[in-house]
Amino acid sequence: MLRRPPTTIELKVDDIREYEYMRQQIAKEQEKGKGFEGAPNWQSGPKSKEEVYSRIGYVPPEKTTGASCRPNLL
């Protein structure tokens, strides 16, 4: 349900120039990254759980031994 008529978005010449400038900067940064030897991280194969956890910020709970977790029922 529209409560008001849609507004128009105007594309200006300055916006196009800014977009082109940003695109060139990103291209330059990508070219700098290609200068090193070796494969990028995403092509280097499967990762260990620790690497994945550190990348996503997951901290797994600490593991405890089975004997110390159980209450003393005697």
PDB file of N, CA and C in Angstrom:
ATOM      1  N   MET A   1       0.844  -1.171   0.000  1.00  0.00           N
ATOM      2  CA  MET A   1       0.000   0.000   0.000  1.00  0.00           C
ATOM      3  C   MET A   1       0.898   1.247   0.000  1.00  0.00           C
ATOM      4  N   LEU A   2       0.715   2.099  -0.959  1.00  0.00           N
ATOM      5  CA  LEU A   2       1.494   3.331  -1.053  1.00  0.00           C
ATOM      6  C   LEU A   2       0.777   4.456  -0.328  1.00  0.00           C
ATOM      7  N   ARG A   3       1.492   5.101   0.538  1.00  0.00           N
ATOM      8  CA  ARG A   3       0.919   6.230   1.268  1.00  0.00           C
ATOM      9  C   ARG A   3       1.241   7.550   0.596  1.00  0.00           C
ATOM     10  N   ARG A   4       2.247   7.551  -0.254  1.00  0.00           N
ATOM     11  CA  ARG A   4       2.606   8.765  -0.979  1.00  0.00           C
ATOM     12  C   ARG A   4       3.151   8.332  -2.333  1.00  0.00           C
ATOM     13  N   PRO A   5       3.169   9.222  -3.273  1.00  0.00           N
ATOM     14  CA  PRO A   5       3.698   8.849  -4.581  1.00  0.00           C
ATOM     15  C   PRO A   5       5.203   8.603  -4.498  1.00  0.00           C
ATOM     16  N   PRO A   6       5.727   7.684  -5.282  1.00  0.00           N
ATOM     17  CA  PRO A   6       7.172   7.415  -5.245  1.00  0.00           C
ATOM     18  C   PRO A   6       7.976   8.632  -5.688  1.00  0.00           C
ATOM     19  N   THR A   7       9.134   8.791  -5.053  1.00  0.00           N
ATOM     20  CA  THR A   7      10.005   9.902  -5.425  1.00  0.00           C
ATOM     21  C   THR A   7      10.927   9.468  -6.560  1.00  0.00           C
ATOM     22  N   THR A   8      11.303  10.398  -7.376  1.00  0.00           N
ATOM     23  CA  THR A   8      12.201  10.090  -8.477  1.00  0.00           C
ATOM     24  C   THR A   8      13.646  10.258  -8.011  1.00  0.00           C
ATOM     25  N   ILE A   9      14.515   9.443  -8.541  1.00  0.00           N
ATOM     26  CA  ILE A   9      15.937   9.520  -8.232  1.00  0.00           C
ATOM     27  C   ILE A   9      16.640  10.007  -9.481  1.00  0.00           C
ATOM     28  N   GLU A  10      17.345  11.117  -9.346  1.00  0.00           N
ATOM     29  CA  GLU A  10      18.030  11.703 -10.491  1.00  0.00           C
ATOM     30  C   GLU A  10      19.502  11.326 -10.457  1.00  0.00           C
ATOM     31  N   LEU A  11      20.012  10.909 -11.585  1.00  0.00           N
ATOM     32  CA  LEU A  11      21.420  10.591 -11.722  1.00  0.00           C
ATOM     33  C   LEU A  11      22.137  11.801 -12.295  1.00  0.00           C
ATOM     34  N   LYS A  12      23.111  12.308 -11.545  1.00  0.00           N
ATOM     35  CA  LYS A  12      23.830  13.505 -11.954  1.00  0.00           C
ATOM     36  C   LYS A  12      25.201  13.129 -12.499  1.00  0.00           C
ATOM     37  N   VAL A  13      25.804  14.047 -13.219  1.00  0.00           N
ATOM     38  CA  VAL A  13      27.128  13.825 -13.798  1.00  0.00           C
ATOM     39  C   VAL A  13      28.160  13.612 -12.697  1.00  0.00           C
ATOM     40  N   ASP A  14      28.039  14.340 -11.606  1.00  0.00           N
ATOM     41  CA  ASP A  14      28.970  14.185 -10.490  1.00  0.00           C
ATOM     42  C   ASP A  14      28.886  12.773  -9.901  1.00  0.00           C
ATOM     43  N   ASP A  15      27.693  12.217  -9.846  1.00  0.00           N
ATOM     44  CA  ASP A  15      27.525  10.860  -9.339  1.00  0.00           C
ATOM     45  C   ASP A  15      28.228   9.854 -10.238  1.00  0.00           C
ATOM     46  N   ILE A  16      28.123  10.043 -11.523  1.00  0.00           N
ATOM     47  CA  ILE A  16      28.773   9.141 -12.477  1.00  0.00           C
ATOM     48  C   ILE A  16      30.287   9.247 -12.353  1.00  0.00           C
ATOM     49  N   ARG A  17      30.804  10.446 -12.203  1.00  0.00           N
ATOM     50  CA  ARG A  17      32.249  10.641 -12.042  1.00  0.00           C
ATOM     51  C   ARG A  17      32.748   9.981 -10.756  1.00  0.00           C
ATOM     52  N   GLU A  18      32.006  10.161  -9.685  1.00  0.00           N
ATOM     53  CA  GLU A  18      32.387   9.560  -8.414  1.00  0.00           C
ATOM     54  C   GLU A  18      32.388   8.032  -8.519  1.00  0.00           C
ATOM     55  N   TYR A  19      31.401   7.480  -9.189  1.00  0.00           N
ATOM     56  CA  TYR A  19      31.325   6.030  -9.383  1.00  0.00           C
ATOM     57  C   TYR A  19      32.524   5.520 -10.182  1.00  0.00           C
ATOM     58  N   GLU A  20      32.866   6.190 -11.250  1.00  0.00           N
ATOM     59  CA  GLU A  20      33.998   5.787 -12.079  1.00  0.00           C
ATOM     60  C   GLU A  20      35.312   5.879 -11.290  1.00  0.00           C
ATOM     61  N   TYR A  21      35.464   6.929 -10.491  1.00  0.00           N
ATOM     62  CA  TYR A  21      36.664   7.088  -9.681  1.00  0.00           C
ATOM     63  C   TYR A  21      36.793   5.947  -8.673  1.00  0.00           C
ATOM     64  N   MET A  22      35.702   5.617  -8.008  1.00  0.00           N
ATOM     65  CA  MET A  22      35.721   4.533  -7.031  1.00  0.00           C
ATOM     66  C   MET A  22      36.013   3.201  -7.709  1.00  0.00           C
ATOM     67  N   ARG A  23      35.471   2.973  -8.881  1.00  0.00           N
ATOM     68  CA  ARG A  23      35.707   1.749  -9.628  1.00  0.00           C
ATOM     69  C   ARG A  23      37.179   1.615 -10.019  1.00  0.00           C
ATOM     70  N   GLN A  24      37.798   2.735 -10.399  1.00  0.00           N
ATOM     71  CA  GLN A  24      39.218   2.712 -10.739  1.00  0.00           C
ATOM     72  C   GLN A  24      40.071   2.417  -9.509  1.00  0.00           C
ATOM     73  N   GLN A  25      39.701   2.989  -8.366  1.00  0.00           N
ATOM     74  CA  GLN A  25      40.447   2.744  -7.140  1.00  0.00           C
ATOM     75  C   GLN A  25      40.377   1.272  -6.745  1.00  0.00           C
ATOM     76  N   ILE A  26      39.215   0.683  -6.863  1.00  0.00           N
ATOM     77  CA  ILE A  26      39.059  -0.733  -6.530  1.00  0.00           C
ATOM     78  C   ILE A  26      39.879  -1.590  -7.483  1.00  0.00           C
ATOM     79  N   ALA A  27      39.898  -1.245  -8.756  1.00  0.00           N
ATOM     80  CA  ALA A  27      40.682  -1.991  -9.738  1.00  0.00           C
ATOM     81  C   ALA A  27      42.171  -1.898  -9.417  1.00  0.00           C
ATOM     82  N   LYS A  28      42.641  -0.728  -8.989  1.00  0.00           N
ATOM     83  CA  LYS A  28      44.047  -0.562  -8.626  1.00  0.00           C
ATOM     84  C   LYS A  28      44.405  -1.425  -7.421  1.00  0.00           C
ATOM     85  N   GLU A  29      43.523  -1.471  -6.425  1.00  0.00           N
ATOM     86  CA  GLU A  29      43.776  -2.278  -5.235  1.00  0.00           C
ATOM     87  C   GLU A  29      43.822  -3.762  -5.586  1.00  0.00           C
ATOM     88  N   GLN A  30      42.967  -4.198  -6.493  1.00  0.00           N
ATOM     89  CA  GLN A  30      42.973  -5.593  -6.897  1.00  0.00           C
ATOM     90  C   GLN A  30      44.243  -5.933  -7.658  1.00  0.00           C
ATOM     91  N   GLU A  31      44.745  -5.008  -8.461  1.00  0.00           N
ATOM     92  CA  GLU A  31      45.983  -5.239  -9.194  1.00  0.00           C
ATOM     93  C   GLU A  31      47.171  -5.357  -8.242  1.00  0.00           C
ATOM     94  N   LYS A  32      47.165  -4.578  -7.175  1.00  0.00           N
ATOM     95  CA  LYS A  32      48.245  -4.653  -6.191  1.00  0.00           C
ATOM     96  C   LYS A  32      48.255  -6.018  -5.520  1.00  0.00           C
ATOM     97  N   GLY A  33      47.084  -6.570  -5.268  1.00  0.00           N
ATOM     98  CA  GLY A  33      46.979  -7.858  -4.598  1.00  0.00           C
ATOM     99  C   GLY A  33      47.422  -9.019  -5.458  1.00  0.00           C
ATOM    100  N   LYS A  34      47.447  -8.857  -6.774  1.00  0.00           N
ATOM    101  CA  LYS A  34      47.830  -9.948  -7.669  1.00  0.00           C
ATOM    102  C   LYS A  34      49.334 -10.104  -7.783  1.00  0.00           C
ATOM    103  N   GLY A  35      50.120  -9.222  -7.220  1.00  0.00           N
ATOM    104  CA  GLY A  35      51.554  -9.238  -7.381  1.00  0.00           C
ATOM    105  C   GLY A  35      52.278 -10.280  -6.544  1.00  0.00           C
ATOM    106  N   PHE A  36      51.631 -10.945  -5.598  1.00  0.00           N
ATOM    107  CA  PHE A  36      52.327 -11.891  -4.745  1.00  0.00           C
ATOM    108  C   PHE A  36      52.259 -13.304  -5.321  1.00  0.00           C
ATOM    109  N   GLU A  37      53.176 -14.142  -4.853  1.00  0.00           N
ATOM    110  CA  GLU A  37      53.227 -15.534  -5.297  1.00  0.00           C
ATOM    111  C   GLU A  37      52.283 -16.365  -4.442  1.00  0.00           C
ATOM    112  N   GLY A  38      51.674 -17.361  -5.043  1.00  0.00           N
ATOM    113  CA  GLY A  38      50.806 -18.270  -4.301  1.00  0.00           C
ATOM    114  C   GLY A  38      49.353 -18.059  -4.646  1.00  0.00           C
ATOM    115  N   ALA A  39      48.552 -18.988  -4.174  1.00  0.00           N
ATOM    116  CA  ALA A  39      47.124 -18.953  -4.462  1.00  0.00           C
ATOM    117  C   ALA A  39      46.385 -18.155  -3.398  1.00  0.00           C
ATOM    118  N   PRO A  40      45.272 -17.538  -3.757  1.00  0.00           N
ATOM    119  CA  PRO A  40      44.461 -16.854  -2.754  1.00  0.00           C
ATOM    120  C   PRO A  40      43.918 -17.853  -1.734  1.00  0.00           C
ATOM    121  N   ASN A  41      43.494 -17.335  -0.585  1.00  0.00           N
ATOM    122  CA  ASN A  41      43.028 -18.206   0.495  1.00  0.00           C
ATOM    123  C   ASN A  41      41.847 -19.073   0.090  1.00  0.00           C
ATOM    124  N   TRP A  42      40.968 -18.567  -0.737  1.00  0.00           N
ATOM    125  CA  TRP A  42      39.784 -19.340  -1.088  1.00  0.00           C
ATOM    126  C   TRP A  42      40.103 -20.490  -2.012  1.00  0.00           C
ATOM    127  N   GLN A  43      41.299 -20.543  -2.562  1.00  0.00           N
ATOM    128  CA  GLN A  43      41.688 -21.638  -3.434  1.00  0.00           C
ATOM    129  C   GLN A  43      42.654 -22.605  -2.759  1.00  0.00           C
ATOM    130  N   SER A  44      42.994 -22.395  -1.525  1.00  0.00           N
ATOM    131  CA  SER A  44      44.024 -23.198  -0.891  1.00  0.00           C
ATOM    132  C   SER A  44      43.502 -24.480  -0.272  1.00  0.00           C
ATOM    133  N   GLY A  45      42.253 -24.827  -0.446  1.00  0.00           N
ATOM    134  CA  GLY A  45      41.729 -26.090   0.044  1.00  0.00           C
ATOM    135  C   GLY A  45      40.918 -25.938   1.313  1.00  0.00           C
ATOM    136  N   PRO A  46      40.541 -27.072   1.901  1.00  0.00           N
ATOM    137  CA  PRO A  46      39.691 -27.028   3.102  1.00  0.00           C
ATOM    138  C   PRO A  46      40.432 -26.423   4.296  1.00  0.00           C
ATOM    139  N   LYS A  47      39.679 -25.783   5.140  1.00  0.00           N
ATOM    140  CA  LYS A  47      40.239 -25.120   6.312  1.00  0.00           C
ATOM    141  C   LYS A  47      39.975 -25.954   7.563  1.00  0.00           C
ATOM    142  N   SER A  48      40.795 -25.747   8.575  1.00  0.00           N
ATOM    143  CA  SER A  48      40.569 -26.419   9.838  1.00  0.00           C
ATOM    144  C   SER A  48      39.431 -25.721  10.580  1.00  0.00           C
ATOM    145  N   LYS A  49      38.876 -26.396  11.550  1.00  0.00           N
ATOM    146  CA  LYS A  49      37.773 -25.820  12.321  1.00  0.00           C
ATOM    147  C   LYS A  49      38.218 -24.549  13.038  1.00  0.00           C
ATOM    148  N   GLU A  50      39.444 -24.533  13.530  1.00  0.00           N
ATOM    149  CA  GLU A  50      39.930 -23.357  14.251  1.00  0.00           C
ATOM    150  C   GLU A  50      39.998 -22.143  13.338  1.00  0.00           C
ATOM    151  N   GLU A  51      40.444 -22.334  12.094  1.00  0.00           N
ATOM    152  CA  GLU A  51      40.509 -21.222  11.149  1.00  0.00           C
ATOM    153  C   GLU A  51      39.116 -20.696  10.821  1.00  0.00           C
ATOM    154  N   VAL A  52      38.183 -21.600  10.621  1.00  0.00           N
ATOM    155  CA  VAL A  52      36.814 -21.186  10.309  1.00  0.00           C
ATOM    156  C   VAL A  52      36.206 -20.465  11.498  1.00  0.00           C
ATOM    157  N   TYR A  53      36.395 -21.009  12.701  1.00  0.00           N
ATOM    158  CA  TYR A  53      35.841 -20.388  13.906  1.00  0.00           C
ATOM    159  C   TYR A  53      36.414 -18.990  14.127  1.00  0.00           C
ATOM    160  N   SER A  54      37.717 -18.827  13.905  1.00  0.00           N
ATOM    161  CA  SER A  54      38.314 -17.508  14.119  1.00  0.00           C
ATOM    162  C   SER A  54      37.818 -16.513  13.075  1.00  0.00           C
ATOM    163  N   ARG A  55      37.577 -16.985  11.850  1.00  0.00           N
ATOM    164  CA  ARG A  55      37.112 -16.088  10.782  1.00  0.00           C
ATOM    165  C   ARG A  55      35.698 -15.583  11.061  1.00  0.00           C
ATOM    166  N   ILE A  56      34.835 -16.456  11.576  1.00  0.00           N
ATOM    167  CA  ILE A  56      33.449 -16.042  11.812  1.00  0.00           C
ATOM    168  C   ILE A  56      33.222 -15.520  13.219  1.00  0.00           C
ATOM    169  N   GLY A  57      34.245 -15.594  14.073  1.00  0.00           N
ATOM    170  CA  GLY A  57      34.128 -15.041  15.421  1.00  0.00           C
ATOM    171  C   GLY A  57      33.453 -15.971  16.407  1.00  0.00           C
ATOM    172  N   TYR A  58      33.434 -17.269  16.131  1.00  0.00           N
ATOM    173  CA  TYR A  58      32.803 -18.233  17.026  1.00  0.00           C
ATOM    174  C   TYR A  58      33.803 -18.714  18.053  1.00  0.00           C
ATOM    175  N   VAL A  59      33.395 -18.710  19.319  1.00  0.00           N
ATOM    176  CA  VAL A  59      34.234 -19.224  20.388  1.00  0.00           C
ATOM    177  C   VAL A  59      33.514 -20.440  20.961  1.00  0.00           C
ATOM    178  N   PRO A  60      33.999 -21.646  20.665  1.00  0.00           N
ATOM    179  CA  PRO A  60      33.318 -22.829  21.159  1.00  0.00           C
ATOM    180  C   PRO A  60      33.453 -22.942  22.676  1.00  0.00           C
ATOM    181  N   PRO A  61      32.476 -23.562  23.328  1.00  0.00           N
ATOM    182  CA  PRO A  61      32.583 -23.718  24.779  1.00  0.00           C
ATOM    183  C   PRO A  61      33.734 -24.655  25.126  1.00  0.00           C
ATOM    184  N   GLU A  62      34.305 -24.447  26.283  1.00  0.00           N
ATOM    185  CA  GLU A  62      35.434 -25.275  26.703  1.00  0.00           C
ATOM    186  C   GLU A  62      34.961 -26.679  27.001  1.00  0.00           C
ATOM    187  N   LYS A  63      35.783 -27.653  26.629  1.00  0.00           N
ATOM    188  CA  LYS A  63      35.457 -29.048  26.895  1.00  0.00           C
ATOM    189  C   LYS A  63      35.934 -29.405  28.297  1.00  0.00           C
ATOM    190  N   THR A  64      35.088 -30.126  28.995  1.00  0.00           N
ATOM    191  CA  THR A  64      35.461 -30.578  30.326  1.00  0.00           C
ATOM    192  C   THR A  64      35.468 -32.095  30.331  1.00  0.00           C
ATOM    193  N   THR A  65      36.150 -32.664  31.312  1.00  0.00           N
ATOM    194  CA  THR A  65      36.197 -34.119  31.400  1.00  0.00           C
ATOM    195  C   THR A  65      34.866 -34.640  31.924  1.00  0.00           C
ATOM    196  N   GLY A  66      34.515 -35.856  31.556  1.00  0.00           N
ATOM    197  CA  GLY A  66      33.229 -36.432  31.936  1.00  0.00           C
ATOM    198  C   GLY A  66      33.075 -36.638  33.429  1.00  0.00           C
ATOM    199  N   ALA A  67      34.155 -36.961  34.147  1.00  0.00           N
ATOM    200  CA  ALA A  67      34.059 -37.251  35.576  1.00  0.00           C
ATOM    201  C   ALA A  67      33.780 -35.987  36.383  1.00  0.00           C
ATOM    202  N   SER A  68      34.325 -34.858  35.983  1.00  0.00           N
ATOM    203  CA  SER A  68      34.137 -33.649  36.780  1.00  0.00           C
ATOM    204  C   SER A  68      32.789 -32.986  36.517  1.00  0.00           C
ATOM    205  N   CYS A  69      32.108 -33.369  35.409  1.00  0.00           N
ATOM    206  CA  CYS A  69      30.832 -32.763  35.079  1.00  0.00           C
ATOM    207  C   CYS A  69      29.687 -33.374  35.889  1.00  0.00           C
ATOM    208  N   ARG A  70      29.847 -34.627  36.234  1.00  0.00           N
ATOM    209  CA  ARG A  70      28.753 -35.335  36.881  1.00  0.00           C
ATOM    210  C   ARG A  70      28.697 -34.997  38.370  1.00  0.00           C
ATOM    211  N   PRO A  71      27.517 -34.787  38.857  1.00  0.00           N
ATOM    212  CA  PRO A  71      27.409 -34.530  40.299  1.00  0.00           C
ATOM    213  C   PRO A  71      27.667 -35.800  41.091  1.00  0.00           C
ATOM    214  N   ASN A  72      28.115 -35.621  42.292  1.00  0.00           N
ATOM    215  CA  ASN A  72      28.386 -36.739  43.163  1.00  0.00           C
ATOM    216  C   ASN A  72      27.067 -37.188  43.798  1.00  0.00           C
ATOM    217  N   LEU A  73      26.564 -38.333  43.373  1.00  0.00           N
ATOM    218  CA  LEU A  73      25.271 -38.816  43.855  1.00  0.00           C
ATOM    219  C   LEU A  73      25.400 -39.791  45.003  1.00  0.00           C
ATOM    220  N   LEU A  74      26.598 -40.116  45.454  1.00  0.00           N
ATOM    221  CA  LEU A  74      26.760 -41.081  46.537  1.00  0.00           C
ATOM    222  C   LEU A  74      26.586 -40.472  47.870  1.00  0.00           C
TER     223      LEU A  74
END
